[in-house]
Amino acid sequence: MINCLPNGLPVDMNVYDAAAWSSITPLSEWSVANGSKPIEVPDFTRGAWKTNKSLELTLEGGGTTKVRNLKAVNAEGQLDI
């Protein structure tokens, strides 16, 4: 994420993912306060997750990572960065 934001590359999470991750602690506290009953994580997307287009998560472009060609590997199969 630190590399993606300043370089205009897509990140692997969106605001809905962040909301879901941020809800875990308060939902856990609520569950414990209610005798450890299971609590559903809210669907912050209102069902849109079923039809959202997935993100293209590749190292194409590389940002500041300097990874440009994923096929450029050395004899050990490691990327030459």
Protein backbone atom coordinates (compact mmCIF):
# COMPACT_ATOMS: atom_id res chain seq x y z
CA MET A 1 0.00 0.00 0.00
CA ILE A 2 2.86 2.36 0.86
CA ASN A 3 4.35 1.83 -2.59
CA CYS A 4 1.02 1.83 -4.45
CA LEU A 5 -0.46 5.10 -3.23
CA PRO A 6 2.31 7.51 -4.30
CA ASN A 7 2.80 5.65 -7.58
CA GLY A 8 -0.83 5.51 -8.64
CA LEU A 9 -0.97 1.71 -8.56
CA PRO A 10 -4.11 -0.15 -7.42
CA VAL A 11 -4.13 -1.26 -3.80
CA ASP A 12 -5.39 -4.69 -2.75
CA MET A 13 -8.19 -3.35 -0.55
CA ASN A 14 -10.91 -0.75 -0.77
CA VAL A 15 -12.92 1.29 1.73
CA TYR A 16 -15.36 -1.59 2.25
CA ASP A 17 -12.52 -3.98 3.12
CA ALA A 18 -11.14 -1.39 5.54
CA ALA A 19 -14.55 -1.02 7.20
CA ALA A 20 -14.89 -4.79 7.57
CA TRP A 21 -11.40 -5.14 9.08
CA SER A 22 -12.05 -2.18 11.39
CA SER A 23 -15.28 -3.72 12.66
CA ILE A 24 -13.64 -6.86 14.09
CA THR A 25 -12.64 -5.37 17.46
CA PRO A 26 -15.97 -3.71 18.28
CA LEU A 27 -17.90 -6.79 17.11
CA SER A 28 -15.67 -9.01 19.25
CA GLU A 29 -16.26 -6.79 22.27
CA TRP A 30 -20.01 -6.90 21.62
CA SER A 31 -19.90 -10.69 21.32
CA VAL A 32 -17.99 -11.11 24.61
CA ALA A 33 -20.34 -8.69 26.40
CA ASN A 34 -23.27 -10.85 25.24
CA GLY A 35 -21.99 -14.20 26.48
CA SER A 36 -19.75 -14.89 23.46
CA LYS A 37 -22.70 -15.08 21.09
CA PRO A 38 -21.73 -15.00 17.41
CA ILE A 39 -22.12 -11.60 15.77
CA GLU A 40 -22.41 -11.22 11.99
CA VAL A 41 -20.00 -8.88 10.28
CA PRO A 42 -22.13 -6.29 8.45
CA ASP A 43 -22.10 -6.31 4.66
CA PHE A 44 -20.78 -2.79 4.13
CA THR A 45 -21.18 -3.19 0.35
CA ARG A 46 -24.92 -3.98 0.61
CA GLY A 47 -24.41 -7.03 -1.60
CA ALA A 48 -22.29 -5.27 -4.24
CA TRP A 49 -19.34 -7.57 -3.44
CA LYS A 50 -21.09 -10.22 -5.53
CA THR A 51 -20.81 -8.18 -8.73
CA ASN A 52 -17.78 -5.94 -8.11
CA LYS A 53 -15.01 -6.25 -10.68
CA SER A 54 -11.88 -7.76 -9.12
CA LEU A 55 -8.68 -5.74 -9.00
CA GLU A 56 -5.76 -6.59 -11.25
CA LEU A 57 -2.99 -7.28 -8.74
CA THR A 58 0.23 -7.76 -10.63
CA LEU A 59 3.66 -6.24 -10.46
CA GLU A 60 3.31 -4.86 -13.98
CA GLY A 61 4.73 -1.36 -13.91
CA GLY A 62 6.41 -1.99 -10.60
CA GLY A 63 6.17 1.52 -9.15
CA THR A 64 9.34 2.06 -7.15
CA THR A 65 9.88 -1.67 -6.67
CA LYS A 66 11.80 -1.74 -9.95
CA VAL A 67 10.09 -5.05 -10.85
CA ARG A 68 9.41 -4.67 -14.55
CA ASN A 69 9.50 -8.06 -16.26
CA LEU A 70 8.23 -10.99 -14.23
CA LYS A 71 9.74 -13.43 -16.72
CA ALA A 72 13.28 -12.17 -16.13
CA VAL A 73 14.53 -14.78 -13.67
CA ASN A 74 18.03 -16.00 -13.00
CA ALA A 75 19.21 -19.63 -13.02
CA GLU A 76 17.81 -20.19 -9.51
CA GLY A 77 14.37 -18.94 -10.57
CA GLN A 78 14.72 -15.68 -8.65
CA LEU A 79 13.71 -12.34 -10.12
CA ASP A 80 16.61 -10.14 -11.10
CA ILE A 81 15.62 -6.87 -9.45
